C-alpha atoms as a PDB file:
ATOM      1  CA  MET A   1      86.008 150.336 -14.637  1.00  0.00           C
ATOM      2  CA  ALA A   2      85.134 153.871 -13.524  1.00  0.00           C
ATOM      3  CA  SER A   3      82.746 152.463 -10.927  1.00  0.00           C
ATOM      4  CA  LEU A   4      85.394 150.025  -9.676  1.00  0.00           C
ATOM      5  CA  LEU A   5      87.973 152.790  -9.315  1.00  0.00           C
ATOM      6  CA  LYS A   6      85.496 155.014  -7.496  1.00  0.00           C
ATOM      7  CA  SER A   7      84.516 152.222  -5.101  1.00  0.00           C
ATOM      8  CA  THR A   8      88.178 151.421  -4.454  1.00  0.00           C
ATOM      9  CA  ARG A   9      88.898 155.086  -3.705  1.00  0.00           C
ATOM     10  CA  VAL A  10      85.961 155.263  -1.305  1.00  0.00           C
ATOM     11  CA  THR A  11      87.149 152.050   0.355  1.00  0.00           C
ATOM     12  CA  LEU A  12      90.655 153.425   0.867  1.00  0.00           C
ATOM     13  CA  GLU A  13      89.145 156.556   2.382  1.00  0.00           C
ATOM     14  CA  MET A  14      86.888 154.423   4.581  1.00  0.00           C
ATOM     15  CA  ILE A  15      89.720 152.333   6.008  1.00  0.00           C
ATOM     16  CA  LYS A  16      92.041 155.356   6.262  1.00  0.00           C
ATOM     17  CA  TRP A  17      94.918 153.402   4.753  1.00  0.00           C
ATOM     18  CA  GLU A  18      97.301 156.276   5.512  1.00  0.00           C
ATOM     19  CA  HIS A  19      96.969 155.351   9.188  1.00  0.00           C
ATOM     20  CA  SER A  20      99.186 152.355   8.466  1.00  0.00           C
ATOM     21  CA  VAL A  21     101.756 154.777   9.885  1.00  0.00           C
ATOM     22  CA  PHE A  22     100.707 153.668  13.384  1.00  0.00           C
ATOM     23  CA  ALA A  23     102.191 150.166  13.207  1.00  0.00           C
ATOM     24  CA  LEU A  24     104.515 150.295  10.193  1.00  0.00           C
ATOM     25  CA  PRO A  25     107.323 152.255  11.900  1.00  0.00           C
ATOM     26  CA  PHE A  26     107.329 149.749  14.770  1.00  0.00           C
ATOM     27  CA  ALA A  27     107.572 146.925  12.230  1.00  0.00           C
ATOM     28  CA  LEU A  28     110.539 148.699  10.661  1.00  0.00           C
ATOM     29  CA  THR A  29     112.053 149.107  14.135  1.00  0.00           C
ATOM     30  CA  GLY A  30     111.831 145.343  14.595  1.00  0.00           C
ATOM     31  CA  ALA A  31     113.420 144.802  11.177  1.00  0.00           C
ATOM     32  CA  VAL A  32     116.325 147.160  11.921  1.00  0.00           C
ATOM     33  CA  LEU A  33     116.975 145.528  15.299  1.00  0.00           C
ATOM     34  CA  ALA A  34     116.847 142.068  13.720  1.00  0.00           C
ATOM     35  CA  ALA A  35     119.284 143.013  10.972  1.00  0.00           C
ATOM     36  CA  GLY A  36     121.567 145.037  13.242  1.00  0.00           C
ATOM     37  CA  GLY A  37     121.278 147.740  10.605  1.00  0.00           C
ATOM     38  CA  TRP A  38     119.285 148.295   7.450  1.00  0.00           C
ATOM     39  CA  PRO A  39     117.709 145.043   6.182  1.00  0.00           C
ATOM     40  CA  ALA A  40     117.822 143.991   2.529  1.00  0.00           C
ATOM     41  CA  TRP A  41     115.558 146.126   0.357  1.00  0.00           C
ATOM     42  CA  ARG A  42     113.686 143.071  -0.934  1.00  0.00           C
ATOM     43  CA  VAL A  43     112.832 141.996   2.609  1.00  0.00           C
ATOM     44  CA  LEU A  44     111.911 145.544   3.585  1.00  0.00           C
ATOM     45  CA  GLY A  45     109.614 145.889   0.598  1.00  0.00           C
ATOM     46  CA  TRP A  46     107.697 142.697   1.355  1.00  0.00           C
ATOM     47  CA  ILE A  47     107.377 143.692   5.023  1.00  0.00           C
ATOM     48  CA  VAL A  48     105.737 146.955   3.948  1.00  0.00           C
ATOM     49  CA  VAL A  49     103.374 145.094   1.601  1.00  0.00           C
ATOM     50  CA  CYS A  50     102.448 142.683   4.420  1.00  0.00           C
ATOM     51  CA  MET A  51     101.747 145.535   6.817  1.00  0.00           C
ATOM     52  CA  VAL A  52      99.586 147.585   4.465  1.00  0.00           C
ATOM     53  CA  ALA A  53      97.669 144.552   3.157  1.00  0.00           C
ATOM     54  CA  ALA A  54      96.967 143.103   6.611  1.00  0.00           C
ATOM     55  CA  ARG A  55      95.801 146.428   7.977  1.00  0.00           C
ATOM     56  CA  SER A  56      93.617 147.050   4.913  1.00  0.00           C
ATOM     57  CA  ALA A  57      91.962 143.639   5.348  1.00  0.00           C
ATOM     58  CA  ALA A  58      91.435 144.249   9.072  1.00  0.00           C
ATOM     59  CA  MET A  59      89.974 147.743   8.710  1.00  0.00           C
ATOM     60  CA  ALA A  60      87.662 146.793   5.857  1.00  0.00           C
ATOM     61  CA  PHE A  61      86.482 143.742   7.815  1.00  0.00           C
ATOM     62  CA  ASN A  62      85.891 145.994  10.827  1.00  0.00           C
ATOM     63  CA  ARG A  63      83.711 148.344   8.787  1.00  0.00           C
ATOM     64  CA  LEU A  64      81.842 145.345   7.350  1.00  0.00           C
ATOM     65  CA  ALA A  65      81.263 143.724  10.744  1.00  0.00           C
ATOM     66  CA  ASP A  66      80.204 147.003  12.366  1.00  0.00           C
ATOM     67  CA  ALA A  67      78.033 148.361   9.529  1.00  0.00           C
ATOM     68  CA  GLY A  68      74.795 147.815  11.445  1.00  0.00           C
ATOM     69  CA  LEU A  69      76.207 149.349  14.625  1.00  0.00           C
ATOM     70  CA  ASP A  70      77.681 152.283  12.704  1.00  0.00           C
ATOM     71  CA  ALA A  71      74.265 153.049  11.245  1.00  0.00           C
ATOM     72  CA  GLU A  72      72.836 153.452  14.773  1.00  0.00           C
ATOM     73  CA  ASN A  73      75.658 155.667  16.059  1.00  0.00           C
ATOM     74  CA  PRO A  74      75.406 159.368  15.099  1.00  0.00           C
ATOM     75  CA  ARG A  75      79.223 159.655  15.088  1.00  0.00           C
ATOM     76  CA  THR A  76      79.629 156.862  12.514  1.00  0.00           C
ATOM     77  CA  ALA A  77      76.341 156.860  10.595  1.00  0.00           C
ATOM     78  CA  MET A  78      77.901 158.521   7.550  1.00  0.00           C
ATOM     79  CA  ARG A  79      80.573 155.875   7.057  1.00  0.00           C
ATOM     80  CA  ALA A  80      80.602 154.359   3.592  1.00  0.00           C
ATOM     81  CA  ILE A  81      78.535 151.197   4.144  1.00  0.00           C
ATOM     82  CA  PRO A  82      75.692 152.634   6.293  1.00  0.00           C
ATOM     83  CA  ALA A  83      75.617 155.705   4.044  1.00  0.00           C
ATOM     84  CA  GLY A  84      75.128 153.467   0.994  1.00  0.00           C
ATOM     85  CA  LEU A  85      78.369 154.513  -0.731  1.00  0.00           C
ATOM     86  CA  LEU A  86      79.662 150.943  -0.777  1.00  0.00           C
ATOM     87  CA  SER A  87      77.963 147.563  -0.883  1.00  0.00           C
ATOM     88  CA  ARG A  88      78.744 144.856   1.630  1.00  0.00           C
ATOM     89  CA  GLY A  89      79.717 142.576  -1.256  1.00  0.00           C
ATOM     90  CA  PHE A  90      82.335 144.991  -2.571  1.00  0.00           C
ATOM     91  CA  VAL A  91      83.871 145.473   0.873  1.00  0.00           C
ATOM     92  CA  ALA A  92      83.916 141.695   1.440  1.00  0.00           C
ATOM     93  CA  GLY A  93      85.744 141.317  -1.872  1.00  0.00           C
ATOM     94  CA  PHE A  94      88.243 143.985  -0.822  1.00  0.00           C
ATOM     95  CA  VAL A  95      88.888 142.061   2.411  1.00  0.00           C
ATOM     96  CA  ALA A  96      89.522 138.866   0.452  1.00  0.00           C
ATOM     97  CA  VAL A  97      91.902 140.543  -2.003  1.00  0.00           C
ATOM     98  CA  SER A  98      93.830 142.294   0.777  1.00  0.00           C
ATOM     99  CA  ALA A  99      94.137 139.045   2.728  1.00  0.00           C
ATOM    100  CA  GLY A 100      95.375 137.284  -0.414  1.00  0.00           C
ATOM    101  CA  VAL A 101      98.012 139.956  -1.009  1.00  0.00           C
ATOM    102  CA  PHE A 102      99.129 139.600   2.613  1.00  0.00           C
ATOM    103  CA  LEU A 103      99.532 135.831   2.306  1.00  0.00           C
ATOM    104  CA  LEU A 104     101.400 136.190  -0.988  1.00  0.00           C
ATOM    105  CA  ALA A 105     103.791 138.754   0.507  1.00  0.00           C
ATOM    106  CA  ALA A 106     104.373 136.547   3.568  1.00  0.00           C
ATOM    107  CA  ALA A 107     105.249 133.659   1.257  1.00  0.00           C
ATOM    108  CA  ARG A 108     107.910 135.819  -0.419  1.00  0.00           C
ATOM    109  CA  LEU A 109     109.744 136.303   2.885  1.00  0.00           C
ATOM    110  CA  ASN A 110     110.446 132.893   4.431  1.00  0.00           C
ATOM    111  CA  ARG A 111     108.752 129.666   5.437  1.00  0.00           C
ATOM    112  CA  LEU A 112     108.002 130.697   9.020  1.00  0.00           C
ATOM    113  CA  THR A 113     106.333 133.944   7.970  1.00  0.00           C
ATOM    114  CA  LEU A 114     104.075 131.968   5.638  1.00  0.00           C
ATOM    115  CA  GLU A 115     103.234 129.395   8.313  1.00  0.00           C
ATOM    116  CA  LEU A 116     102.363 132.105  10.836  1.00  0.00           C
ATOM    117  CA  ALA A 117     100.563 134.384   8.371  1.00  0.00           C
ATOM    118  CA  PRO A 118      97.107 132.801   8.935  1.00  0.00           C
ATOM    119  CA  VAL A 119      97.566 133.238  12.698  1.00  0.00           C
ATOM    120  CA  ALA A 120      98.468 136.896  12.250  1.00  0.00           C
ATOM    121  CA  LEU A 121      95.487 137.377   9.942  1.00  0.00           C
ATOM    122  CA  ALA A 122      93.157 135.773  12.486  1.00  0.00           C
ATOM    123  CA  VAL A 123      94.426 138.150  15.189  1.00  0.00           C
ATOM    124  CA  VAL A 124      93.983 141.321  13.130  1.00  0.00           C
ATOM    125  CA  LEU A 125      90.494 140.292  12.013  1.00  0.00           C
ATOM    126  CA  ALA A 126      89.381 139.145  15.477  1.00  0.00           C
ATOM    127  CA  TYR A 127      89.373 142.648  16.934  1.00  0.00           C
ATOM    128  CA  SER A 128      86.253 143.552  14.967  1.00  0.00           C
ATOM    129  CA  LEU A 129      84.190 141.082  16.999  1.00  0.00           C
ATOM    130  CA  MET A 130      85.710 141.638  20.433  1.00  0.00           C
ATOM    131  CA  LYS A 131      83.488 144.523  21.599  1.00  0.00           C
ATOM    132  CA  ARG A 132      80.665 142.015  21.603  1.00  0.00           C
ATOM    133  CA  VAL A 133      82.668 139.688  23.863  1.00  0.00           C
ATOM    134  CA  THR A 134      84.948 141.554  26.277  1.00  0.00           C
ATOM    135  CA  ARG A 135      85.525 145.031  27.701  1.00  0.00           C
ATOM    136  CA  TRP A 136      89.232 144.507  26.985  1.00  0.00           C
ATOM    137  CA  SER A 137      88.836 144.539  23.203  1.00  0.00           C
ATOM    138  CA  HIS A 138      91.273 147.486  23.193  1.00  0.00           C
ATOM    139  CA  LEU A 139      94.075 145.078  24.077  1.00  0.00           C
ATOM    140  CA  VAL A 140      93.126 142.815  21.185  1.00  0.00           C
ATOM    141  CA  LEU A 141      93.556 145.809  18.881  1.00  0.00           C
ATOM    142  CA  GLY A 142      96.867 146.463  20.632  1.00  0.00           C
ATOM    143  CA  LEU A 143      97.965 142.900  19.947  1.00  0.00           C
ATOM    144  CA  ALA A 144      96.912 143.216  16.297  1.00  0.00           C
ATOM    145  CA  LEU A 145      99.335 146.119  15.863  1.00  0.00           C
ATOM    146  CA  GLY A 146     101.820 144.875  18.436  1.00  0.00           C
ATOM    147  CA  ILE A 147     102.712 141.717  16.547  1.00  0.00           C
ATOM    148  CA  ALA A 148     104.207 143.928  13.805  1.00  0.00           C
ATOM    149  CA  PRO A 149     107.757 144.209  15.244  1.00  0.00           C
ATOM    150  CA  SER A 150     107.903 140.510  16.120  1.00  0.00           C
ATOM    151  CA  ALA A 151     106.610 139.599  12.657  1.00  0.00           C
ATOM    152  CA  ALA A 152     109.220 141.847  11.058  1.00  0.00           C
ATOM    153  CA  TRP A 153     111.946 140.182  13.133  1.00  0.00           C
ATOM    154  CA  ILE A 154     110.794 136.792  11.850  1.00  0.00           C
ATOM    155  CA  ALA A 155     110.760 138.170   8.303  1.00  0.00           C
ATOM    156  CA  VAL A 156     114.424 139.170   8.642  1.00  0.00           C
ATOM    157  CA  ARG A 157     115.772 136.294  10.762  1.00  0.00           C
ATOM    158  CA  GLY A 158     113.432 133.393  10.036  1.00  0.00           C
ATOM    159  CA  SER A 159     113.120 132.853  13.801  1.00  0.00           C
ATOM    160  CA  LEU A 160     111.899 134.725  16.881  1.00  0.00           C
ATOM    161  CA  ASP A 161     113.982 136.276  19.682  1.00  0.00           C
ATOM    162  CA  TRP A 162     112.077 136.842  22.939  1.00  0.00           C
ATOM    163  CA  ARG A 163     113.618 140.301  23.330  1.00  0.00           C
ATOM    164  CA  ILE A 164     111.602 141.709  20.436  1.00  0.00           C
ATOM    165  CA  VAL A 165     108.418 140.527  22.173  1.00  0.00           C
ATOM    166  CA  VAL A 166     109.086 143.336  24.663  1.00  0.00           C
ATOM    167  CA  LEU A 167     108.468 145.808  21.843  1.00  0.00           C
ATOM    168  CA  THR A 168     105.302 143.891  20.954  1.00  0.00           C
ATOM    169  CA  GLY A 169     104.158 144.389  24.550  1.00  0.00           C
ATOM    170  CA  ALA A 170     104.985 148.098  24.400  1.00  0.00           C
ATOM    171  CA  VAL A 171     102.968 148.596  21.209  1.00  0.00           C
ATOM    172  CA  LEU A 172     100.099 146.544  22.651  1.00  0.00           C
ATOM    173  CA  LEU A 173      99.848 148.875  25.667  1.00  0.00           C
ATOM    174  CA  TRP A 174     100.343 152.003  23.565  1.00  0.00           C
ATOM    175  CA  VAL A 175      97.541 151.111  21.140  1.00  0.00           C
ATOM    176  CA  GLY A 176      95.312 149.750  23.896  1.00  0.00           C
ATOM    177  CA  GLY A 177      95.696 152.995  25.811  1.00  0.00           C
ATOM    178  CA  PHE A 178      94.821 155.338  22.996  1.00  0.00           C
ATOM    179  CA  ASP A 179      91.949 153.097  21.878  1.00  0.00           C
ATOM    180  CA  VAL A 180      90.517 153.294  25.399  1.00  0.00           C
ATOM    181  CA  LEU A 181      90.636 157.084  25.112  1.00  0.00           C
ATOM    182  CA  TYR A 182      89.056 157.029  21.649  1.00  0.00           C
ATOM    183  CA  ALA A 183      86.242 154.764  22.871  1.00  0.00           C
ATOM    184  CA  CYS A 184      85.234 157.401  25.416  1.00  0.00           C
ATOM    185  CA  GLN A 185      83.489 159.201  22.548  1.00  0.00           C
ATOM    186  CA  ASP A 186      81.053 156.273  22.238  1.00  0.00           C
ATOM    187  CA  PHE A 187      80.435 155.819  25.960  1.00  0.00           C
ATOM    188  CA  GLU A 188      76.695 156.544  25.841  1.00  0.00           C
ATOM    189  CA  HIS A 189      76.146 154.616  22.594  1.00  0.00           C
ATOM    190  CA  ASP A 190      78.013 151.526  23.837  1.00  0.00           C
ATOM    191  CA  ARG A 191      75.966 151.429  27.037  1.00  0.00           C
ATOM    192  CA  ARG A 192      72.733 151.878  25.135  1.00  0.00           C
ATOM    193  CA  VAL A 193      73.328 149.030  22.661  1.00  0.00           C
ATOM    194  CA  GLY A 194      75.179 146.711  25.040  1.00  0.00           C
ATOM    195  CA  LEU A 195      78.673 146.846  23.521  1.00  0.00           C
ATOM    196  CA  LYS A 196      81.582 146.181  25.849  1.00  0.00           C
ATOM    197  CA  SER A 197      84.492 148.576  26.373  1.00  0.00           C
ATOM    198  CA  VAL A 198      86.615 149.955  29.174  1.00  0.00           C
ATOM    199  CA  PRO A 199      84.688 153.272  29.244  1.00  0.00           C
ATOM    200  CA  GLN A 200      81.396 151.379  29.266  1.00  0.00           C
ATOM    201  CA  ALA A 201      82.592 149.234  32.188  1.00  0.00           C
ATOM    202  CA  PHE A 202      84.473 151.785  34.294  1.00  0.00           C
ATOM    203  CA  GLY A 203      83.114 155.129  33.142  1.00  0.00           C
ATOM    204  CA  VAL A 204      84.977 157.821  31.232  1.00  0.00           C
ATOM    205  CA  ARG A 205      87.004 159.017  34.219  1.00  0.00           C
ATOM    206  CA  GLY A 206      88.061 155.476  35.098  1.00  0.00           C
ATOM    207  CA  ALA A 207      88.940 154.822  31.456  1.00  0.00           C
ATOM    208  CA  PHE A 208      91.309 157.795  31.461  1.00  0.00           C
ATOM    209  CA  TRP A 209      93.191 156.382  34.446  1.00  0.00           C
ATOM    210  CA  ILE A 210      93.421 152.966  32.811  1.00  0.00           C
ATOM    211  CA  ALA A 211      94.765 154.536  29.601  1.00  0.00           C
ATOM    212  CA  ARG A 212      97.369 156.441  31.621  1.00  0.00           C
ATOM    213  CA  GLY A 213      98.439 153.210  33.293  1.00  0.00           C
ATOM    214  CA  MET A 214      98.784 151.486  29.930  1.00  0.00           C
ATOM    215  CA  HIS A 215     100.955 154.280  28.573  1.00  0.00           C
ATOM    216  CA  LEU A 216     103.179 154.234  31.654  1.00  0.00           C
ATOM    217  CA  GLY A 217     103.555 150.494  31.088  1.00  0.00           C
ATOM    218  CA  MET A 218     104.528 151.158  27.477  1.00  0.00           C
ATOM    219  CA  LEU A 219     107.285 153.556  28.561  1.00  0.00           C
ATOM    220  CA  ALA A 220     108.610 151.014  31.071  1.00  0.00           C
ATOM    221  CA  LEU A 221     108.811 148.369  28.341  1.00  0.00           C
ATOM    222  CA  LEU A 222     110.569 150.758  25.955  1.00  0.00           C
ATOM    223  CA  CYS A 223     113.180 151.412  28.651  1.00  0.00           C
ATOM    224  CA  TRP A 224     113.630 147.657  29.075  1.00  0.00           C
ATOM    225  CA  LEU A 225     113.977 147.277  25.299  1.00  0.00           C
ATOM    226  CA  VAL A 226     116.850 149.793  25.299  1.00  0.00           C
ATOM    227  CA  VAL A 227     118.623 147.759  27.984  1.00  0.00           C
ATOM    228  CA  LEU A 228     118.004 144.372  26.342  1.00  0.00           C
ATOM    229  CA  PHE A 229     119.466 145.464  23.000  1.00  0.00           C
ATOM    230  CA  GLY A 230     122.243 147.539  24.489  1.00  0.00           C
ATOM    231  CA  LEU A 231     121.029 150.632  22.684  1.00  0.00           C
ATOM    232  CA  GLY A 232     122.621 154.014  23.280  1.00  0.00           C
ATOM    233  CA  LYS A 233     121.784 157.600  24.144  1.00  0.00           C
ATOM    234  CA  VAL A 234     119.983 158.249  20.853  1.00  0.00           C
ATOM    235  CA  SER A 235     117.407 155.547  21.651  1.00  0.00           C
ATOM    236  CA  VAL A 236     117.100 156.813  25.218  1.00  0.00           C
ATOM    237  CA  LEU A 237     116.338 160.245  23.774  1.00  0.00           C
ATOM    238  CA  GLY A 238     113.696 158.586  21.589  1.00  0.00           C
ATOM    239  CA  VAL A 239     111.987 157.149  24.682  1.00  0.00           C
ATOM    240  CA  VAL A 240     112.072 160.588  26.319  1.00  0.00           C
ATOM    241  CA  VAL A 241     110.463 162.142  23.235  1.00  0.00           C
ATOM    242  CA  VAL A 242     107.742 159.469  23.248  1.00  0.00           C
ATOM    243  CA  ALA A 243     107.098 160.170  26.940  1.00  0.00           C
ATOM    244  CA  LEU A 244     106.755 163.918  26.294  1.00  0.00           C
ATOM    245  CA  LEU A 245     104.374 163.363  23.381  1.00  0.00           C
ATOM    246  CA  LEU A 246     102.233 160.997  25.442  1.00  0.00           C
ATOM    247  CA  LEU A 247     102.154 163.568  28.240  1.00  0.00           C
ATOM    248  CA  TYR A 248     100.989 166.189  25.761  1.00  0.00           C
ATOM    249  CA  GLU A 249      98.417 163.767  24.320  1.00  0.00           C
ATOM    250  CA  HIS A 250      96.911 163.273  27.764  1.00  0.00           C
ATOM    251  CA  SER A 251      96.988 167.011  28.455  1.00  0.00           C
ATOM    252  CA  ILE A 252      94.801 168.014  25.498  1.00  0.00           C
ATOM    253  CA  VAL A 253      91.905 165.685  26.303  1.00  0.00           C
ATOM    254  CA  SER A 254      90.105 165.097  29.578  1.00  0.00           C
ATOM    255  CA  PRO A 255      87.008 163.241  30.791  1.00  0.00           C
ATOM    256  CA  GLY A 256      85.086 166.470  30.466  1.00  0.00           C
ATOM    257  CA  ASP A 257      86.537 167.643  27.151  1.00  0.00           C
ATOM    258  CA  LEU A 258      86.966 165.208  24.253  1.00  0.00           C
ATOM    259  CA  ARG A 259      86.914 167.839  21.507  1.00  0.00           C
ATOM    260  CA  ARG A 260      90.580 167.342  20.557  1.00  0.00           C
ATOM    261  CA  MET A 261      90.407 163.552  20.545  1.00  0.00           C
ATOM    262  CA  ASN A 262      91.136 163.280  16.808  1.00  0.00           C
ATOM    263  CA  ALA A 263      94.339 165.292  17.220  1.00  0.00           C
ATOM    264  CA  ALA A 264      95.401 163.108  20.146  1.00  0.00           C
ATOM    265  CA  PHE A 265      94.412 159.857  18.460  1.00  0.00           C
ATOM    266  CA  PHE A 266      95.566 160.316  14.871  1.00  0.00           C
ATOM    267  CA  THR A 267      98.166 163.071  14.644  1.00  0.00           C
ATOM    268  CA  LEU A 268     100.165 162.573  17.827  1.00  0.00           C
ATOM    269  CA  ASN A 269     100.231 158.784  17.727  1.00  0.00           C
ATOM    270  CA  GLY A 270     101.413 158.816  14.131  1.00  0.00           C
ATOM    271  CA  ILE A 271     104.217 161.169  15.149  1.00  0.00           C
ATOM    272  CA  ILE A 272     105.137 158.940  18.106  1.00  0.00           C
ATOM    273  CA  SER A 273     105.616 155.820  15.989  1.00  0.00           C
ATOM    274  CA  VAL A 274     107.611 157.582  13.268  1.00  0.00           C
ATOM    275  CA  LEU A 275     109.912 159.404  15.683  1.00  0.00           C
ATOM    276  CA  PHE A 276     110.628 156.336  17.807  1.00  0.00           C
ATOM    277  CA  PHE A 277     111.613 154.386  14.707  1.00  0.00           C
ATOM    278  CA  GLY A 278     113.809 157.278  13.580  1.00  0.00           C
ATOM    279  CA  PHE A 279     115.682 157.441  16.881  1.00  0.00           C
ATOM    280  CA  VAL A 280     116.235 153.668  17.131  1.00  0.00           C
ATOM    281  CA  ALA A 281     117.261 153.345  13.477  1.00  0.00           C
ATOM    282  CA  ALA A 282     119.710 156.234  13.840  1.00  0.00           C
ATOM    283  CA  ASP A 283     121.140 154.674  16.986  1.00  0.00           C
ATOM    284  CA  VAL A 284     121.635 151.271  15.370  1.00  0.00           C
ATOM    285  CA  LEU A 285     123.088 152.653  12.145  1.00  0.00           C
ATOM    286  CA  LEU A 286     125.449 155.075  13.910  1.00  0.00           C
ATOM    287  CA  ARG A 287     126.792 152.289  16.151  1.00  0.00           C
ATOM    288  CA  ARG A 288     127.673 149.922  13.291  1.00  0.00           C
END
């Protein structure tokens, strides 16, 4: 039992489960928009379980699939599997349990969420293999997180409204953009071992411009979302805050200086998702 608990703790540290904060607030944004206010607590609870379980399965699968590559990369060589802290079998079991919890939680919502759950699971797991296939794997990761608001809408309504897909597109570009920036750290390694990425294909400087374009696209979609849902000044302020934070994110890293990448990638993006949800939720609830 002690060994199991220790391995589970190491696994949670490995997958950085606390970074569920990236997509979860956008899922909650989709739920609030779908409900026109605060959704039922039961529905909200199962949405949270779905989000955390799906992300846990995806991240653990990513570490499992990339264990050999991580061992060859100085930046990732001390991750749990290449460092020998966890066995591949234990991590595979963790993936299976997390996926099972996700499917169970989806079944507790409605029939459509259950029917689409395997599709969602396939998307979030697929990212781990994409760097071997396409330089645009960053967008696959974006889609994996971007389906969160649309999935939450389905969880609340039992159907899909095309307007919420605009938020899916915004999250896709947001995540894709910051993943392009993060991949710049592995530029030399990816070229050496033949992995595909935007930095590997276009160089670090070109990757920065592509990331900027993605984030401008995200802001355009957020503005469209405000119009589509008839949101008010509070939501507009939320978009402005997101724009300022993205501007700051791009100001603290550059093609020649990646030292503050962790601050830009983890801290600021977590703040962006939480604040945007807060502004939209406040807007919706105040207008009821």
